[in-house]
């Protein structure tokens, strides 16, 4: 996929279709019929921009488009990710909007809107609101490694939920080690699967195996990862993923 972040890389916007279909305006194509639960979410902000700088809703107040929910209530929401840890380590997860208030394309430079820790054998469900582009980073321990500018450099899970501009309500996701490889740090394993179609994107620990996922060499390639039509979405996320892990 890689349309949600492009990770600040040059020419990445070449992989993105930045016009609504049939000559419609961005506002005309917004899939803002929030027919699923919105309990806990803030308001929706107006979309703006195009291409790599396209900004969907960032929540009003900012960051209120990401909420933690219980397993019991998770089925009430349209876009949900369930996080599990495959290893015995404690894992830290941070989640951010691609774009900050003011239109700055640098949400991953220390501007997480939601964070949590995860123990082995436990799960955390996170719900996301409509027309939301962002990512999460995960690493064992209590901190996420960063580069000299404060950017998160561990393995990423990128997402675009209910995109209004690119695919008129389509969603996408991928696992990416681009920032980890750029920082020359250990690549953490991660696997993301759509539970309905069993479409997956994964990178095994230490970068031993990439499956439908982004390595640094793919930084200008589009379409990698899951690309799914409009509708409810359930993602199963495994942190510390090993290619031969029983949780795969």
Protein backbone atom coordinates (compact mmCIF):
# COMPACT_ATOMS: atom_id res chain seq x y z
CA UNK A 1 0.00 0.00 0.00
CA UNK A 2 2.27 2.81 1.34
CA UNK A 3 -0.22 5.51 0.37
CA UNK A 4 -0.86 6.49 3.96
CA UNK A 5 2.64 7.60 4.88
CA UNK A 6 5.25 7.52 2.11
CA UNK A 7 7.58 8.00 5.10
CA UNK A 8 8.89 11.35 3.86
CA UNK A 9 10.63 9.73 0.90
CA UNK A 10 11.13 11.63 -2.38
CA UNK A 11 8.87 10.89 -5.36
CA UNK A 12 6.64 8.64 -3.27
CA UNK A 13 3.65 10.65 -4.38
CA UNK A 14 4.09 9.17 -7.85
CA UNK A 15 2.50 5.99 -6.55
CA UNK A 16 -0.64 7.74 -5.36
CA UNK A 17 -3.78 8.50 -7.34
CA UNK A 18 -4.78 11.90 -6.00
CA UNK A 19 -8.07 12.66 -7.72
CA UNK A 20 -11.59 11.57 -6.78
CA UNK A 21 -13.40 9.61 -9.48
CA UNK A 22 -15.86 11.07 -11.99
CA UNK A 23 -14.77 14.62 -11.36
CA UNK A 24 -16.27 14.67 -7.88
CA UNK A 25 -14.81 16.92 -5.24
CA UNK A 26 -13.08 15.49 -2.19
CA UNK A 27 -16.01 16.53 -0.03
CA UNK A 28 -18.49 14.78 -2.37
CA UNK A 29 -16.70 11.45 -1.95
CA UNK A 30 -16.39 11.48 1.84
CA UNK A 31 -17.76 8.21 3.29
CA UNK A 32 -18.97 9.96 6.42
CA UNK A 33 -22.08 7.91 7.11
CA UNK A 34 -20.93 6.73 10.53
CA UNK A 35 -23.33 3.79 10.76
CA UNK A 36 -21.18 1.92 13.29
CA UNK A 37 -20.56 2.95 16.89
CA UNK A 38 -18.83 6.30 17.38
CA UNK A 39 -18.82 6.12 21.17
CA UNK A 40 -15.54 7.57 22.42
CA UNK A 41 -14.59 9.29 19.17
CA UNK A 42 -14.42 13.04 18.79
CA UNK A 43 -15.70 14.95 15.79
CA UNK A 44 -14.66 14.53 12.17
CA UNK A 45 -12.49 17.22 10.59
CA UNK A 46 -12.80 18.31 6.98
CA UNK A 47 -10.47 16.72 4.45
CA UNK A 48 -7.97 18.83 2.55
CA UNK A 49 -4.98 18.60 0.24
CA UNK A 50 -4.15 16.00 -2.37
CA UNK A 51 -1.59 13.32 -3.14
CA UNK A 52 0.97 12.70 -0.42
CA UNK A 53 -0.26 15.73 1.53
CA UNK A 54 -3.90 14.62 1.55
CA UNK A 55 -5.33 14.95 5.04
CA UNK A 56 -8.43 13.04 5.99
CA UNK A 57 -10.01 13.43 9.39
CA UNK A 58 -7.54 13.92 12.24
CA UNK A 59 -10.20 14.01 14.94
CA UNK A 60 -11.66 16.97 16.79
CA UNK A 61 -9.97 17.36 19.19
CA UNK A 62 -6.87 16.16 17.38
CA UNK A 63 -6.16 12.47 17.89
CA UNK A 64 -9.68 11.60 19.06
CA UNK A 65 -10.07 9.36 15.99
CA UNK A 66 -8.11 6.62 17.81
CA UNK A 67 -9.57 4.90 20.88
CA UNK A 68 -8.88 1.77 22.88
CA UNK A 69 -11.94 -0.47 23.19
CA UNK A 70 -12.77 -3.70 24.97
CA UNK A 71 -12.88 -7.01 23.13
CA UNK A 72 -16.58 -7.22 23.95
CA UNK A 73 -17.38 -3.85 22.37
CA UNK A 74 -14.94 -4.03 19.46
CA UNK A 75 -17.50 -5.56 17.07
CA UNK A 76 -19.57 -2.37 17.33
CA UNK A 77 -16.90 -0.35 15.51
CA UNK A 78 -16.15 -0.23 11.80
CA UNK A 79 -12.32 -0.31 11.81
CA UNK A 80 -10.60 -2.30 14.55
CA UNK A 81 -7.11 -3.73 15.06
CA UNK A 82 -6.43 -6.44 17.64
CA UNK A 83 -2.83 -6.43 18.87
CA UNK A 84 -1.12 -9.54 20.27
CA UNK A 85 2.50 -10.17 21.27
CA UNK A 86 4.09 -13.38 20.02
CA UNK A 87 7.13 -13.13 22.30
CA UNK A 88 7.38 -13.03 26.09
CA UNK A 89 8.65 -9.44 26.04
CA UNK A 90 6.63 -6.41 27.03
CA UNK A 91 5.87 -4.42 23.88
CA UNK A 92 5.28 -0.71 23.44
CA UNK A 93 2.99 0.59 20.70
CA UNK A 94 2.48 4.18 19.54
CA UNK A 95 -0.14 5.28 17.00
CA UNK A 96 -0.26 8.57 15.12
CA UNK A 97 -2.06 10.58 12.46
CA UNK A 98 -0.06 11.02 9.27
CA UNK A 99 -0.58 14.77 9.30
CA UNK A 100 -0.49 17.19 12.23
CA UNK A 101 -2.80 20.17 12.75
CA UNK A 102 -1.70 22.83 10.30
CA UNK A 103 -1.08 20.30 7.55
CA UNK A 104 2.44 19.23 8.48
CA UNK A 105 3.37 15.79 7.11
CA UNK A 106 5.37 14.63 10.13
CA UNK A 107 3.04 12.86 12.54
CA UNK A 108 5.62 10.12 13.13
CA UNK A 109 8.19 12.54 14.56
CA UNK A 110 7.25 11.94 18.17
CA UNK A 111 3.61 12.98 17.81
CA UNK A 112 1.80 9.80 18.84
CA UNK A 113 -1.89 10.29 19.67
CA UNK A 114 -2.24 6.96 21.45
CA UNK A 115 0.21 4.62 23.18
CA UNK A 116 0.03 1.44 25.23
CA UNK A 117 2.10 -1.51 26.42
CA UNK A 118 1.26 -5.14 25.77
CA UNK A 119 2.29 -8.23 27.70
CA UNK A 120 2.62 -11.67 26.16
CA UNK A 121 -0.68 -13.52 26.18
CA UNK A 122 -2.76 -10.35 26.35
CA UNK A 123 -4.56 -8.42 23.63
CA UNK A 124 -5.46 -4.81 23.01
CA UNK A 125 -8.25 -3.68 20.68
CA UNK A 126 -8.02 -0.26 19.05
CA UNK A 127 -10.82 1.35 17.01
CA UNK A 128 -10.26 3.96 14.30
CA UNK A 129 -12.67 6.49 12.83
CA UNK A 130 -13.51 7.16 9.15
CA UNK A 131 -11.16 8.56 6.51
CA UNK A 132 -8.09 8.20 8.70
CA UNK A 133 -4.50 7.87 7.48
CA UNK A 134 -1.74 7.01 9.93
CA UNK A 135 0.49 4.30 11.32
CA UNK A 136 1.75 2.61 14.44
CA UNK A 137 5.23 1.57 15.53
CA UNK A 138 6.04 -1.23 17.96
CA UNK A 139 9.13 -2.36 19.83
CA UNK A 140 9.94 -4.56 22.84
CA UNK A 141 10.40 -2.68 26.09
CA UNK A 142 8.94 0.60 27.27
CA UNK A 143 10.19 2.95 24.55
CA UNK A 144 10.13 3.19 20.77
CA UNK A 145 13.53 3.81 19.15
CA UNK A 146 13.85 7.12 17.34
CA UNK A 147 16.27 8.75 14.92
CA UNK A 148 18.19 11.97 15.49
CA UNK A 149 15.10 13.99 14.59
CA UNK A 150 12.73 12.10 16.89
CA UNK A 151 11.15 9.97 14.16
CA UNK A 152 9.95 6.49 15.13
CA UNK A 153 12.35 3.95 13.62
CA UNK A 154 11.02 0.55 14.67
CA UNK A 155 8.85 -1.55 12.36
CA UNK A 156 5.67 0.23 11.29
CA UNK A 157 2.14 -0.85 10.53
CA UNK A 158 0.69 1.66 8.07
CA UNK A 159 -3.02 2.13 7.43
CA UNK A 160 -5.61 4.08 5.51
CA UNK A 161 -9.15 3.47 6.78
CA UNK A 162 -12.14 4.44 4.63
CA UNK A 163 -10.08 6.65 2.35
CA UNK A 164 -12.23 9.34 0.78
CA UNK A 165 -9.83 10.54 -1.88
CA UNK A 166 -7.88 7.55 -3.13
CA UNK A 167 -10.41 4.76 -3.43
CA UNK A 168 -13.78 6.19 -2.32
CA UNK A 169 -14.03 4.31 0.94
CA UNK A 170 -11.43 1.61 0.35
CA UNK A 171 -8.94 0.74 3.08
CA UNK A 172 -5.36 -0.44 3.04
CA UNK A 173 -2.57 -1.57 5.32
CA UNK A 174 1.02 -2.79 5.23
CA UNK A 175 4.00 -3.63 7.40
CA UNK A 176 7.08 -1.52 6.72
CA UNK A 177 10.74 -1.70 7.76
CA UNK A 178 11.78 1.33 5.73
CA UNK A 179 12.58 3.53 8.72
CA UNK A 180 14.25 0.69 10.65
CA UNK A 181 16.54 -0.07 7.72
CA UNK A 182 17.28 3.61 7.17
CA UNK A 183 18.32 3.90 10.84
CA UNK A 184 20.27 0.62 10.65
CA UNK A 185 18.55 -0.82 13.71
CA UNK A 186 17.15 -4.26 14.41
CA UNK A 187 13.99 -5.04 12.47
CA UNK A 188 11.16 -6.17 14.73
CA UNK A 189 8.76 -8.79 13.41
CA UNK A 190 5.17 -7.80 12.70
CA UNK A 191 2.26 -9.39 10.88
CA UNK A 192 -1.06 -7.76 9.95
CA UNK A 193 -3.94 -9.75 8.47
CA UNK A 194 -7.44 -8.84 7.39
CA UNK A 195 -9.49 -11.48 9.17
CA UNK A 196 -12.20 -11.61 6.48
CA UNK A 197 -10.06 -12.14 3.38
CA UNK A 198 -6.93 -13.49 5.12
CA UNK A 199 -4.89 -10.94 3.19
CA UNK A 200 -1.65 -10.43 5.13
CA UNK A 201 1.46 -8.28 5.21
CA UNK A 202 4.37 -9.44 7.35
CA UNK A 203 8.03 -9.09 8.20
CA UNK A 204 9.67 -11.71 10.39
CA UNK A 205 12.06 -10.77 13.18
CA UNK A 206 15.44 -9.41 12.06
CA UNK A 207 13.98 -8.94 8.58
CA UNK A 208 14.58 -12.57 7.64
CA UNK A 209 11.46 -12.71 5.48
CA UNK A 210 9.29 -10.06 3.85
CA UNK A 211 5.84 -11.05 2.66
CA UNK A 212 3.74 -8.42 0.89
CA UNK A 213 5.54 -5.79 2.99
CA UNK A 214 7.86 -2.83 2.52
CA UNK A 215 11.64 -2.92 2.62
CA UNK A 216 13.77 0.16 1.94
CA UNK A 217 14.22 -0.89 -1.68
CA UNK A 218 10.45 -0.65 -2.16
CA UNK A 219 10.11 2.94 -0.99
CA UNK A 220 8.82 4.18 -4.36
CA UNK A 221 6.59 1.18 -5.05
CA UNK A 222 2.83 1.38 -4.61
CA UNK A 223 0.27 -1.31 -3.94
CA UNK A 224 2.16 -3.50 -1.49
CA UNK A 225 0.08 -4.78 1.42
CA UNK A 226 -3.67 -5.18 1.79
CA UNK A 227 -6.03 -3.15 -0.39
CA UNK A 228 -9.66 -3.73 0.52
CA UNK A 229 -13.05 -2.44 -0.67
CA UNK A 230 -15.25 -0.22 1.46
CA UNK A 231 -16.78 -1.78 4.53
CA UNK A 232 -16.07 -3.03 8.03
CA UNK A 233 -12.48 -4.09 8.63
CA UNK A 234 -10.86 -6.29 11.27
CA UNK A 235 -7.07 -6.46 11.45
CA UNK A 236 -5.18 -9.05 13.48
CA UNK A 237 -1.75 -7.71 14.44
CA UNK A 238 1.05 -9.93 15.77
CA UNK A 239 4.07 -8.20 17.32
CA UNK A 240 7.37 -10.05 17.42
CA UNK A 241 6.23 -12.21 14.51
CA UNK A 242 8.39 -15.14 13.42
CA UNK A 243 7.75 -16.78 10.05
CA UNK A 244 7.31 -20.20 11.64
CA UNK A 245 5.50 -18.91 14.75
CA UNK A 246 2.43 -20.84 15.85
CA UNK A 247 0.50 -17.55 15.86
CA UNK A 248 1.04 -16.97 12.15
